[in-house]
Amino acid sequence: MSSVDSGLCACGSLLTYDFFTKIRKQTDEKELLKGGRIIMLTLLVGCMFVAPYIRNFSGLFNYLLAVWAFLSPGVFVVVLFGLFSKKSTEKAAFVTLVLGVVLGFSAFGILNFPFFSGVKELLPVIFQNKLNLSPVITLICVGSMYFISRYGGRTDEDLGRSVLVGNSQVELSMSPEETKKYQRLLVGVMILIAVVMVTFSPLFFR
């Protein structure tokens, strides 16, 4: 119940302040509260209809793992580029999020719904597992974010945002030597993650 409550509050706040206020700009606190309650109630009813299908999975944790494996790649890539790349653009983030959702839902349906069993059989055996197919979607999202940010045309608004999030305070800026150490650390972490993924993949771990 605690997880349900936290999830509903988070989704209700996100949809209310990031979407509802953009659609209806002239809203007061009472209208926001009412809209948030309606959104949370709608989400709860929708989840009630989805809940019976969880019995088709081997436990709730396996279901949640399958869902997050295919819904998180797009969000993860956008946040990662937003934190570490000033060249990231709003257009690239939007396209990557949409692409991640479409690919994620498609992969989830292919691997879990009997209706798509014929399509699933066409995939290589290694990609018939969610934990092996999810990294592929992540790499596609990385490519989308990188190429659209680099070659999709940066507007003056994008340049202004990159300056806005930059830190101009000298005392909080890293020296060239610290920057190199930080970059080496990031490369080392990425190599470590790649080694762990490959080591425990079906290529070596059977």
N, C-alpha and C. Protein backbone atom coordinates (compact mmCIF):
# COMPACT_ATOMS: atom_id res chain seq x y z
N MET A 1 0.83 -1.21 0.00
CA MET A 1 0.00 0.00 0.00
C MET A 1 0.86 1.26 0.00
N SER A 2 2.00 1.18 0.70
CA SER A 2 2.91 2.33 0.71
C SER A 2 3.45 2.62 -0.68
N SER A 3 3.81 1.56 -1.42
CA SER A 3 4.32 1.74 -2.79
C SER A 3 3.26 2.31 -3.70
N VAL A 4 2.02 1.83 -3.56
CA VAL A 4 0.92 2.34 -4.37
C VAL A 4 0.68 3.81 -4.08
N ASP A 5 0.67 4.15 -2.79
CA ASP A 5 0.45 5.55 -2.40
C ASP A 5 1.56 6.46 -2.94
N SER A 6 2.80 6.03 -2.81
CA SER A 6 3.92 6.84 -3.29
C SER A 6 3.87 7.00 -4.80
N GLY A 7 3.58 5.90 -5.50
CA GLY A 7 3.51 5.96 -6.95
C GLY A 7 2.39 6.87 -7.45
N LEU A 8 1.23 6.79 -6.83
CA LEU A 8 0.11 7.63 -7.24
C LEU A 8 0.41 9.11 -6.98
N CYS A 9 1.00 9.41 -5.83
CA CYS A 9 1.33 10.80 -5.52
C CYS A 9 2.37 11.35 -6.51
N ALA A 10 3.37 10.54 -6.82
CA ALA A 10 4.41 10.99 -7.75
C ALA A 10 3.83 11.21 -9.15
N CYS A 11 3.05 10.23 -9.64
CA CYS A 11 2.46 10.36 -10.98
C CYS A 11 1.45 11.51 -11.03
N GLY A 12 0.66 11.65 -9.96
CA GLY A 12 -0.32 12.74 -9.92
C GLY A 12 0.35 14.10 -9.96
N SER A 13 1.41 14.28 -9.19
CA SER A 13 2.13 15.55 -9.18
C SER A 13 2.79 15.83 -10.53
N LEU A 14 3.41 14.79 -11.10
CA LEU A 14 4.09 14.96 -12.39
C LEU A 14 3.11 15.37 -13.48
N LEU A 15 2.01 14.63 -13.60
CA LEU A 15 1.05 14.92 -14.66
C LEU A 15 0.34 16.25 -14.43
N THR A 16 0.11 16.60 -13.17
CA THR A 16 -0.60 17.84 -12.87
C THR A 16 0.26 19.06 -13.18
N TYR A 17 1.49 19.09 -12.68
CA TYR A 17 2.32 20.28 -12.82
C TYR A 17 3.06 20.36 -14.16
N ASP A 18 3.33 19.22 -14.77
CA ASP A 18 4.09 19.24 -16.02
C ASP A 18 3.21 19.19 -17.27
N PHE A 19 1.96 18.76 -17.11
CA PHE A 19 1.09 18.65 -18.29
C PHE A 19 -0.21 19.44 -18.12
N PHE A 20 -0.88 19.22 -16.99
CA PHE A 20 -2.18 19.88 -16.78
C PHE A 20 -2.03 21.40 -16.76
N THR A 21 -0.97 21.90 -16.10
CA THR A 21 -0.77 23.34 -16.04
C THR A 21 -0.36 23.93 -17.39
N LYS A 22 0.21 23.10 -18.27
CA LYS A 22 0.57 23.59 -19.61
C LYS A 22 -0.66 23.68 -20.50
N ILE A 23 -1.63 22.77 -20.27
CA ILE A 23 -2.86 22.79 -21.07
C ILE A 23 -3.79 23.90 -20.60
N ARG A 24 -3.95 23.99 -19.28
CA ARG A 24 -4.80 25.04 -18.69
C ARG A 24 -3.91 25.96 -17.86
N LYS A 25 -3.46 27.01 -18.49
CA LYS A 25 -2.46 27.88 -17.86
C LYS A 25 -3.06 28.76 -16.76
N GLN A 26 -4.30 29.14 -16.91
CA GLN A 26 -4.94 29.98 -15.91
C GLN A 26 -5.68 29.11 -14.89
N THR A 27 -4.93 28.53 -14.01
CA THR A 27 -5.53 27.66 -12.98
C THR A 27 -5.05 28.09 -11.61
N ASP A 28 -5.95 28.00 -10.63
CA ASP A 28 -5.57 28.31 -9.26
C ASP A 28 -5.28 27.02 -8.50
N GLU A 29 -4.96 27.14 -7.23
CA GLU A 29 -4.58 25.98 -6.42
C GLU A 29 -5.72 24.98 -6.28
N LYS A 30 -6.96 25.47 -6.16
CA LYS A 30 -8.10 24.57 -6.01
C LYS A 30 -8.30 23.72 -7.26
N GLU A 31 -8.17 24.34 -8.42
CA GLU A 31 -8.31 23.60 -9.67
C GLU A 31 -7.19 22.59 -9.84
N LEU A 32 -5.96 22.96 -9.44
CA LEU A 32 -4.85 22.03 -9.51
C LEU A 32 -5.08 20.83 -8.60
N LEU A 33 -5.58 21.10 -7.40
CA LEU A 33 -5.86 20.02 -6.46
C LEU A 33 -6.95 19.10 -6.99
N LYS A 34 -8.00 19.68 -7.56
CA LYS A 34 -9.08 18.87 -8.13
C LYS A 34 -8.59 18.06 -9.32
N GLY A 35 -7.82 18.71 -10.20
CA GLY A 35 -7.28 17.99 -11.35
C GLY A 35 -6.34 16.87 -10.94
N GLY A 36 -5.51 17.12 -9.92
CA GLY A 36 -4.61 16.07 -9.43
C GLY A 36 -5.36 14.88 -8.87
N ARG A 37 -6.45 15.14 -8.16
CA ARG A 37 -7.25 14.04 -7.61
C ARG A 37 -7.89 13.21 -8.72
N ILE A 38 -8.40 13.90 -9.74
CA ILE A 38 -9.02 13.18 -10.86
C ILE A 38 -7.98 12.33 -11.59
N ILE A 39 -6.79 12.89 -11.79
CA ILE A 39 -5.71 12.14 -12.45
C ILE A 39 -5.32 10.92 -11.64
N MET A 40 -5.17 11.07 -10.33
CA MET A 40 -4.80 9.94 -9.47
C MET A 40 -5.89 8.88 -9.46
N LEU A 41 -7.14 9.28 -9.44
CA LEU A 41 -8.25 8.32 -9.47
C LEU A 41 -8.26 7.57 -10.79
N THR A 42 -8.02 8.29 -11.90
CA THR A 42 -7.98 7.64 -13.22
C THR A 42 -6.85 6.63 -13.29
N LEU A 43 -5.67 7.01 -12.77
CA LEU A 43 -4.54 6.09 -12.76
C LEU A 43 -4.83 4.86 -11.93
N LEU A 44 -5.48 5.05 -10.77
CA LEU A 44 -5.78 3.93 -9.89
C LEU A 44 -6.75 2.96 -10.54
N VAL A 45 -7.78 3.49 -11.21
CA VAL A 45 -8.74 2.62 -11.90
C VAL A 45 -8.05 1.86 -13.04
N GLY A 46 -7.18 2.57 -13.78
CA GLY A 46 -6.45 1.89 -14.85
C GLY A 46 -5.56 0.78 -14.33
N CYS A 47 -4.90 1.03 -13.21
CA CYS A 47 -4.05 -0.01 -12.62
C CYS A 47 -4.86 -1.20 -12.13
N MET A 48 -6.07 -0.96 -11.68
CA MET A 48 -6.94 -2.06 -11.23
C MET A 48 -7.28 -2.99 -12.39
N PHE A 49 -7.46 -2.42 -13.59
CA PHE A 49 -7.75 -3.26 -14.76
C PHE A 49 -6.53 -4.03 -15.23
N VAL A 50 -5.33 -3.44 -15.02
CA VAL A 50 -4.10 -4.10 -15.45
C VAL A 50 -3.68 -5.19 -14.46
N ALA A 51 -4.00 -5.01 -13.18
CA ALA A 51 -3.52 -5.91 -12.12
C ALA A 51 -3.78 -7.39 -12.37
N PRO A 52 -4.97 -7.80 -12.87
CA PRO A 52 -5.19 -9.25 -13.07
C PRO A 52 -4.21 -9.90 -14.04
N TYR A 53 -3.62 -9.13 -14.95
CA TYR A 53 -2.70 -9.71 -15.93
C TYR A 53 -1.34 -10.04 -15.31
N ILE A 54 -1.09 -9.55 -14.10
CA ILE A 54 0.19 -9.84 -13.45
C ILE A 54 0.32 -11.33 -13.14
N ARG A 55 -0.81 -12.02 -13.02
CA ARG A 55 -0.75 -13.46 -12.72
C ARG A 55 -0.11 -14.25 -13.85
N ASN A 56 -0.01 -13.65 -15.05
CA ASN A 56 0.65 -14.34 -16.16
C ASN A 56 2.16 -14.35 -16.03
N PHE A 57 2.69 -13.58 -15.07
CA PHE A 57 4.13 -13.54 -14.83
C PHE A 57 4.45 -14.37 -13.59
N SER A 58 5.71 -14.75 -13.48
CA SER A 58 6.13 -15.55 -12.33
C SER A 58 6.43 -14.65 -11.14
N GLY A 59 5.40 -14.00 -10.63
CA GLY A 59 5.56 -13.15 -9.46
C GLY A 59 5.52 -11.67 -9.80
N LEU A 60 5.21 -10.87 -8.80
CA LEU A 60 5.11 -9.43 -8.97
C LEU A 60 6.46 -8.80 -9.31
N PHE A 61 7.53 -9.30 -8.68
CA PHE A 61 8.85 -8.71 -8.92
C PHE A 61 9.27 -8.92 -10.38
N ASN A 62 8.99 -10.09 -10.93
CA ASN A 62 9.34 -10.35 -12.33
C ASN A 62 8.56 -9.45 -13.27
N TYR A 63 7.30 -9.17 -12.91
CA TYR A 63 6.48 -8.26 -13.71
C TYR A 63 7.06 -6.84 -13.69
N LEU A 64 7.39 -6.36 -12.48
CA LEU A 64 7.95 -5.02 -12.36
C LEU A 64 9.30 -4.92 -13.08
N LEU A 65 10.08 -5.99 -12.99
CA LEU A 65 11.38 -6.00 -13.67
C LEU A 65 11.20 -5.90 -15.18
N ALA A 66 10.20 -6.62 -15.70
CA ALA A 66 9.93 -6.58 -17.14
C ALA A 66 9.46 -5.20 -17.58
N VAL A 67 8.61 -4.57 -16.76
CA VAL A 67 8.10 -3.25 -17.12
C VAL A 67 9.21 -2.21 -17.11
N TRP A 68 9.99 -2.17 -16.03
CA TRP A 68 11.04 -1.16 -15.92
C TRP A 68 12.19 -1.41 -16.88
N ALA A 69 12.42 -2.66 -17.26
CA ALA A 69 13.49 -2.95 -18.20
C ALA A 69 13.23 -2.29 -19.55
N PHE A 70 11.95 -2.10 -19.89
CA PHE A 70 11.64 -1.54 -21.20
C PHE A 70 11.15 -0.09 -21.15
N LEU A 71 10.77 0.40 -19.98
CA LEU A 71 10.31 1.78 -19.89
C LEU A 71 11.42 2.74 -19.44
N SER A 72 12.43 2.22 -18.79
CA SER A 72 13.47 3.11 -18.24
C SER A 72 14.57 3.52 -19.23
N PRO A 73 14.88 2.77 -20.31
CA PRO A 73 16.00 3.18 -21.18
C PRO A 73 15.92 4.60 -21.71
N GLY A 74 14.76 5.01 -22.22
CA GLY A 74 14.62 6.35 -22.76
C GLY A 74 14.85 7.42 -21.72
N VAL A 75 14.24 7.24 -20.54
CA VAL A 75 14.39 8.22 -19.46
C VAL A 75 15.84 8.26 -18.98
N PHE A 76 16.44 7.09 -18.84
CA PHE A 76 17.83 7.01 -18.38
C PHE A 76 18.77 7.76 -19.33
N VAL A 77 18.59 7.55 -20.62
CA VAL A 77 19.47 8.18 -21.61
C VAL A 77 19.29 9.70 -21.61
N VAL A 78 18.05 10.16 -21.55
CA VAL A 78 17.78 11.61 -21.56
C VAL A 78 18.38 12.28 -20.33
N VAL A 79 18.20 11.67 -19.16
CA VAL A 79 18.76 12.24 -17.93
C VAL A 79 20.28 12.24 -17.98
N LEU A 80 20.86 11.15 -18.48
CA LEU A 80 22.31 11.04 -18.55
C LEU A 80 22.90 12.11 -19.46
N PHE A 81 22.31 12.29 -20.64
CA PHE A 81 22.80 13.32 -21.56
C PHE A 81 22.56 14.71 -21.00
N GLY A 82 21.43 14.89 -20.32
CA GLY A 82 21.14 16.20 -19.74
C GLY A 82 22.14 16.60 -18.68
N LEU A 83 22.67 15.61 -17.96
CA LEU A 83 23.63 15.89 -16.90
C LEU A 83 25.04 16.12 -17.43
N PHE A 84 25.42 15.39 -18.48
CA PHE A 84 26.82 15.37 -18.88
C PHE A 84 27.10 15.95 -20.27
N SER A 85 26.08 16.38 -20.99
CA SER A 85 26.32 16.92 -22.32
C SER A 85 25.57 18.24 -22.50
N LYS A 86 26.32 19.32 -22.70
CA LYS A 86 25.70 20.63 -22.92
C LYS A 86 25.10 20.76 -24.32
N LYS A 87 25.46 19.85 -25.22
CA LYS A 87 24.96 19.91 -26.59
C LYS A 87 23.59 19.24 -26.74
N SER A 88 23.08 18.67 -25.68
CA SER A 88 21.77 18.02 -25.75
C SER A 88 20.68 19.06 -26.01
N THR A 89 19.70 18.69 -26.83
CA THR A 89 18.63 19.61 -27.18
C THR A 89 17.28 19.07 -26.73
N GLU A 90 16.34 19.97 -26.65
CA GLU A 90 14.97 19.60 -26.25
C GLU A 90 14.35 18.67 -27.28
N LYS A 91 14.60 18.93 -28.56
CA LYS A 91 14.06 18.09 -29.63
C LYS A 91 14.59 16.67 -29.51
N ALA A 92 15.88 16.53 -29.26
CA ALA A 92 16.48 15.21 -29.12
C ALA A 92 15.90 14.47 -27.92
N ALA A 93 15.70 15.18 -26.82
CA ALA A 93 15.13 14.56 -25.61
C ALA A 93 13.71 14.07 -25.88
N PHE A 94 12.90 14.89 -26.57
CA PHE A 94 11.52 14.51 -26.84
C PHE A 94 11.46 13.28 -27.75
N VAL A 95 12.24 13.31 -28.83
CA VAL A 95 12.24 12.18 -29.77
C VAL A 95 12.74 10.91 -29.07
N THR A 96 13.76 11.04 -28.24
CA THR A 96 14.32 9.87 -27.55
C THR A 96 13.31 9.28 -26.57
N LEU A 97 12.60 10.13 -25.85
CA LEU A 97 11.58 9.64 -24.91
C LEU A 97 10.46 8.90 -25.65
N VAL A 98 10.00 9.49 -26.75
CA VAL A 98 8.93 8.84 -27.53
C VAL A 98 9.44 7.52 -28.12
N LEU A 99 10.64 7.54 -28.66
CA LEU A 99 11.23 6.33 -29.23
C LEU A 99 11.40 5.25 -28.17
N GLY A 100 11.86 5.64 -26.99
CA GLY A 100 12.04 4.68 -25.91
C GLY A 100 10.73 4.04 -25.47
N VAL A 101 9.67 4.85 -25.40
CA VAL A 101 8.36 4.32 -25.01
C VAL A 101 7.83 3.36 -26.07
N VAL A 102 7.93 3.76 -27.34
CA VAL A 102 7.42 2.91 -28.43
C VAL A 102 8.17 1.58 -28.49
N LEU A 103 9.50 1.66 -28.47
CA LEU A 103 10.30 0.43 -28.51
C LEU A 103 10.09 -0.41 -27.26
N GLY A 104 9.97 0.25 -26.10
CA GLY A 104 9.78 -0.47 -24.85
C GLY A 104 8.47 -1.23 -24.82
N PHE A 105 7.38 -0.56 -25.18
CA PHE A 105 6.08 -1.23 -25.19
C PHE A 105 6.05 -2.35 -26.23
N SER A 106 6.67 -2.11 -27.38
CA SER A 106 6.72 -3.14 -28.42
C SER A 106 7.48 -4.37 -27.94
N ALA A 107 8.64 -4.15 -27.33
CA ALA A 107 9.44 -5.27 -26.83
C ALA A 107 8.72 -6.00 -25.71
N PHE A 108 8.08 -5.25 -24.83
CA PHE A 108 7.33 -5.87 -23.73
C PHE A 108 6.21 -6.76 -24.27
N GLY A 109 5.49 -6.26 -25.28
CA GLY A 109 4.41 -7.05 -25.86
C GLY A 109 4.92 -8.29 -26.58
N ILE A 110 6.01 -8.15 -27.33
CA ILE A 110 6.56 -9.28 -28.08
C ILE A 110 7.02 -10.40 -27.15
N LEU A 111 7.64 -10.04 -26.03
CA LEU A 111 8.18 -11.06 -25.13
C LEU A 111 7.15 -11.65 -24.19
N ASN A 112 6.03 -10.96 -23.97
CA ASN A 112 5.12 -11.41 -22.91
C ASN A 112 3.71 -11.76 -23.37
N PHE A 113 3.28 -11.31 -24.53
CA PHE A 113 1.93 -11.59 -24.99
C PHE A 113 1.93 -12.76 -25.97
N PRO A 114 1.08 -13.78 -25.75
CA PRO A 114 1.03 -14.94 -26.66
C PRO A 114 0.71 -14.55 -28.10
N PHE A 115 0.01 -13.43 -28.28
CA PHE A 115 -0.37 -13.00 -29.62
C PHE A 115 0.86 -12.75 -30.50
N PHE A 116 1.98 -12.35 -29.87
CA PHE A 116 3.20 -12.03 -30.61
C PHE A 116 4.22 -13.16 -30.52
N SER A 117 3.77 -14.37 -30.20
CA SER A 117 4.71 -15.48 -30.05
C SER A 117 5.47 -15.78 -31.35
N GLY A 118 4.81 -15.58 -32.48
CA GLY A 118 5.48 -15.81 -33.76
C GLY A 118 6.61 -14.83 -34.00
N VAL A 119 6.39 -13.58 -33.60
CA VAL A 119 7.44 -12.57 -33.75
C VAL A 119 8.59 -12.87 -32.79
N LYS A 120 8.25 -13.32 -31.58
CA LYS A 120 9.29 -13.64 -30.59
C LYS A 120 10.21 -14.74 -31.08
N GLU A 121 9.65 -15.73 -31.77
CA GLU A 121 10.46 -16.84 -32.26
C GLU A 121 11.43 -16.41 -33.35
N LEU A 122 11.14 -15.30 -34.01
CA LEU A 122 12.04 -14.80 -35.06
C LEU A 122 13.28 -14.13 -34.47
N LEU A 123 13.21 -13.74 -33.20
CA LEU A 123 14.35 -13.10 -32.56
C LEU A 123 15.41 -14.13 -32.21
N PRO A 124 16.69 -13.75 -32.22
CA PRO A 124 17.73 -14.67 -31.72
C PRO A 124 17.44 -15.04 -30.27
N VAL A 125 17.86 -16.21 -29.87
CA VAL A 125 17.56 -16.71 -28.52
C VAL A 125 18.07 -15.74 -27.47
N ILE A 126 19.20 -15.13 -27.70
CA ILE A 126 19.79 -14.23 -26.71
C ILE A 126 18.90 -13.01 -26.46
N PHE A 127 18.10 -12.60 -27.46
CA PHE A 127 17.26 -11.43 -27.32
C PHE A 127 15.82 -11.78 -26.92
N GLN A 128 15.57 -13.03 -26.59
CA GLN A 128 14.26 -13.42 -26.10
C GLN A 128 14.15 -13.29 -24.59
N ASN A 129 15.14 -12.62 -24.00
CA ASN A 129 15.13 -12.33 -22.58
C ASN A 129 15.13 -10.81 -22.39
N LYS A 130 14.30 -10.33 -21.48
CA LYS A 130 14.16 -8.88 -21.29
C LYS A 130 15.46 -8.20 -20.88
N LEU A 131 16.29 -8.88 -20.11
CA LEU A 131 17.53 -8.27 -19.63
C LEU A 131 18.59 -8.18 -20.72
N ASN A 132 18.40 -8.90 -21.82
CA ASN A 132 19.32 -8.79 -22.96
C ASN A 132 18.78 -7.87 -24.04
N LEU A 133 17.46 -7.77 -24.14
CA LEU A 133 16.86 -6.91 -25.16
C LEU A 133 16.82 -5.45 -24.71
N SER A 134 16.69 -5.23 -23.41
CA SER A 134 16.64 -3.87 -22.89
C SER A 134 17.90 -3.05 -23.20
N PRO A 135 19.12 -3.61 -23.06
CA PRO A 135 20.32 -2.83 -23.44
C PRO A 135 20.34 -2.42 -24.91
N VAL A 136 19.73 -3.22 -25.78
CA VAL A 136 19.67 -2.86 -27.20
C VAL A 136 18.83 -1.60 -27.38
N ILE A 137 17.70 -1.53 -26.67
CA ILE A 137 16.86 -0.33 -26.73
C ILE A 137 17.61 0.87 -26.16
N THR A 138 18.38 0.64 -25.11
CA THR A 138 19.17 1.72 -24.53
C THR A 138 20.18 2.27 -25.54
N LEU A 139 20.86 1.39 -26.26
CA LEU A 139 21.83 1.82 -27.27
C LEU A 139 21.15 2.59 -28.41
N ILE A 140 19.96 2.15 -28.80
CA ILE A 140 19.22 2.87 -29.84
C ILE A 140 18.85 4.28 -29.35
N CYS A 141 18.44 4.39 -28.09
CA CYS A 141 18.11 5.69 -27.52
C CYS A 141 19.35 6.59 -27.43
N VAL A 142 20.50 5.99 -27.10
CA VAL A 142 21.75 6.75 -27.07
C VAL A 142 22.06 7.31 -28.44
N GLY A 143 21.92 6.48 -29.47
CA GLY A 143 22.15 6.94 -30.84
C GLY A 143 21.20 8.04 -31.24
N SER A 144 19.93 7.91 -30.87
CA SER A 144 18.93 8.93 -31.18
C SER A 144 19.28 10.25 -30.51
N MET A 145 19.60 10.19 -29.23
CA MET A 145 19.91 11.40 -28.47
C MET A 145 21.16 12.08 -29.02
N TYR A 146 22.16 11.30 -29.34
CA TYR A 146 23.44 11.86 -29.80
C TYR A 146 23.30 12.50 -31.18
N PHE A 147 22.75 11.77 -32.14
CA PHE A 147 22.72 12.26 -33.52
C PHE A 147 21.73 13.41 -33.70
N ILE A 148 20.59 13.36 -33.00
CA ILE A 148 19.65 14.47 -33.14
C ILE A 148 20.21 15.72 -32.46
N SER A 149 20.88 15.56 -31.32
CA SER A 149 21.49 16.71 -30.64
C SER A 149 22.60 17.31 -31.49
N ARG A 150 23.34 16.47 -32.17
CA ARG A 150 24.51 16.94 -32.93
C ARG A 150 24.14 17.44 -34.32
N TYR A 151 23.22 16.74 -34.98
CA TYR A 151 22.92 17.06 -36.37
C TYR A 151 21.48 17.52 -36.60
N GLY A 152 20.69 17.58 -35.53
CA GLY A 152 19.28 17.96 -35.69
C GLY A 152 19.03 19.45 -35.69
N GLY A 153 20.07 20.23 -35.58
CA GLY A 153 19.91 21.68 -35.60
C GLY A 153 19.64 22.24 -34.21
N ARG A 154 20.63 22.98 -33.67
CA ARG A 154 20.47 23.60 -32.36
C ARG A 154 19.97 25.02 -32.52
N THR A 155 18.91 25.35 -31.82
CA THR A 155 18.33 26.68 -31.90
C THR A 155 19.01 27.61 -30.88
N ASP A 156 18.71 28.90 -30.99
CA ASP A 156 19.24 29.86 -30.02
C ASP A 156 18.71 29.57 -28.62
N GLU A 157 17.50 29.05 -28.55
CA GLU A 157 16.92 28.69 -27.25
C GLU A 157 17.70 27.56 -26.60
N ASP A 158 18.11 26.57 -27.41
CA ASP A 158 18.92 25.47 -26.88
C ASP A 158 20.27 25.98 -26.37
N LEU A 159 20.87 26.91 -27.12
CA LEU A 159 22.16 27.47 -26.68
C LEU A 159 22.00 28.23 -25.38
N GLY A 160 20.89 28.96 -25.26
CA GLY A 160 20.64 29.71 -24.03
C GLY A 160 20.45 28.80 -22.83
N ARG A 161 19.78 27.67 -23.05
CA ARG A 161 19.59 26.73 -21.95
C ARG A 161 20.91 26.09 -21.52
N SER A 162 21.78 25.79 -22.49
CA SER A 162 23.07 25.19 -22.13
C SER A 162 23.91 26.15 -21.32
N VAL A 163 23.80 27.44 -21.59
CA VAL A 163 24.52 28.43 -20.79
C VAL A 163 23.88 28.58 -19.42
N LEU A 164 22.56 28.48 -19.38
CA LEU A 164 21.83 28.65 -18.13
C LEU A 164 22.19 27.59 -17.10
N VAL A 165 22.33 26.33 -17.57
CA VAL A 165 22.64 25.25 -16.64
C VAL A 165 24.13 25.17 -16.34
N GLY A 166 24.95 25.92 -17.08
CA GLY A 166 26.39 25.90 -16.82
C GLY A 166 26.72 26.62 -15.52
N ASN A 167 27.79 26.24 -14.91
CA ASN A 167 28.22 26.83 -13.64
C ASN A 167 29.40 27.75 -13.91
N SER A 168 29.20 29.04 -13.68
CA SER A 168 30.25 30.00 -13.96
C SER A 168 31.08 30.37 -12.73
N GLN A 169 30.75 29.79 -11.58
CA GLN A 169 31.48 30.11 -10.37
C GLN A 169 32.82 29.37 -10.38
N VAL A 170 33.89 30.14 -10.27
CA VAL A 170 35.23 29.57 -10.38
C VAL A 170 35.51 28.60 -9.26
N GLU A 171 35.05 28.92 -8.03
CA GLU A 171 35.38 28.08 -6.90
C GLU A 171 34.69 26.71 -6.97
N LEU A 172 33.63 26.62 -7.76
CA LEU A 172 32.93 25.35 -7.89
C LEU A 172 33.29 24.61 -9.18
N SER A 173 34.16 25.19 -9.97
CA SER A 173 34.56 24.57 -11.23
C SER A 173 35.78 23.67 -11.03
N MET A 174 35.85 22.61 -11.83
CA MET A 174 36.98 21.69 -11.74
C MET A 174 38.16 22.22 -12.54
N SER A 175 39.32 21.94 -12.04
CA SER A 175 40.53 22.30 -12.78
C SER A 175 40.72 21.32 -13.94
N PRO A 176 41.57 21.65 -14.92
CA PRO A 176 41.79 20.70 -16.03
C PRO A 176 42.22 19.32 -15.56
N GLU A 177 43.06 19.27 -14.51
CA GLU A 177 43.51 17.97 -14.00
C GLU A 177 42.35 17.20 -13.36
N GLU A 178 41.50 17.91 -12.61
CA GLU A 178 40.34 17.27 -11.99
C GLU A 178 39.35 16.80 -13.05
N THR A 179 39.22 17.59 -14.12
CA THR A 179 38.33 17.19 -15.21
C THR A 179 38.81 15.90 -15.86
N LYS A 180 40.11 15.77 -16.08
CA LYS A 180 40.66 14.54 -16.66
C LYS A 180 40.42 13.35 -15.74
N LYS A 181 40.62 13.53 -14.43
CA LYS A 181 40.38 12.44 -13.48
C LYS A 181 38.91 12.04 -13.48
N TYR A 182 38.05 13.03 -13.56
CA TYR A 182 36.61 12.76 -13.58
C TYR A 182 36.22 11.99 -14.85
N GLN A 183 36.78 12.39 -15.98
CA GLN A 183 36.50 11.69 -17.23
C GLN A 183 37.01 10.25 -17.19
N ARG A 184 38.21 10.06 -16.61
CA ARG A 184 38.74 8.69 -16.48
C ARG A 184 37.83 7.85 -15.59
N LEU A 185 37.32 8.45 -14.52
CA LEU A 185 36.40 7.73 -13.63
C LEU A 185 35.15 7.29 -14.36
N LEU A 186 34.57 8.19 -15.16
CA LEU A 186 33.37 7.85 -15.92
C LEU A 186 33.64 6.72 -16.91
N VAL A 187 34.76 6.80 -17.60
CA VAL A 187 35.12 5.74 -18.55
C VAL A 187 35.30 4.42 -17.82
N GLY A 188 35.97 4.45 -16.65
CA GLY A 188 36.16 3.23 -15.88
C GLY A 188 34.85 2.62 -15.43
N VAL A 189 33.92 3.46 -14.98
CA VAL A 189 32.61 2.96 -14.54
C VAL A 189 31.86 2.34 -15.71
N MET A 190 31.91 2.99 -16.88
CA MET A 190 31.23 2.45 -18.06
C MET A 190 31.84 1.11 -18.48
N ILE A 191 33.16 1.01 -18.42
CA ILE A 191 33.82 -0.26 -18.76
C ILE A 191 33.41 -1.34 -17.77
N LEU A 192 33.37 -1.00 -16.48
CA LEU A 192 32.97 -1.96 -15.45
C LEU A 192 31.55 -2.46 -15.68
N ILE A 193 30.64 -1.55 -15.99
CA ILE A 193 29.25 -1.94 -16.27
C ILE A 193 29.18 -2.86 -17.48
N ALA A 194 29.93 -2.51 -18.54
CA ALA A 194 29.93 -3.33 -19.75
C ALA A 194 30.47 -4.73 -19.47
N VAL A 195 31.55 -4.82 -18.68
CA VAL A 195 32.14 -6.12 -18.34
C VAL A 195 31.15 -6.97 -17.55
N VAL A 196 30.47 -6.36 -16.59
CA VAL A 196 29.49 -7.10 -15.79
C VAL A 196 28.35 -7.60 -16.66
N MET A 197 27.85 -6.73 -17.57
CA MET A 197 26.75 -7.12 -18.44
C MET A 197 27.15 -8.27 -19.36
N VAL A 198 28.34 -8.19 -19.95
CA VAL A 198 28.78 -9.23 -20.86
C VAL A 198 29.06 -10.53 -20.10
N THR A 199 29.66 -10.42 -18.91
CA THR A 199 30.02 -11.60 -18.14
C THR A 199 28.80 -12.41 -17.74
N PHE A 200 27.72 -11.72 -17.35
CA PHE A 200 26.53 -12.41 -16.90
C PHE A 200 25.48 -12.57 -18.00
N SER A 201 25.84 -12.28 -19.23
CA SER A 201 24.93 -12.50 -20.34
C SER A 201 25.02 -13.95 -20.80
N PRO A 202 24.08 -14.42 -21.60
CA PRO A 202 24.12 -15.81 -22.10
C PRO A 202 25.36 -16.14 -22.91
N LEU A 203 26.13 -15.12 -23.30
CA LEU A 203 27.36 -15.42 -24.05
C LEU A 203 28.34 -16.21 -23.22
N PHE A 204 28.38 -15.94 -21.91
CA PHE A 204 29.33 -16.61 -21.03
C PHE A 204 28.63 -17.35 -19.89
N PHE A 205 27.51 -16.83 -19.43
CA PHE A 205 26.85 -17.38 -18.26
C PHE A 205 25.63 -18.17 -18.71
N ARG A 206 25.70 -19.46 -18.71
CA ARG A 206 24.60 -20.31 -19.17
C ARG A 206 24.11 -21.20 -18.02
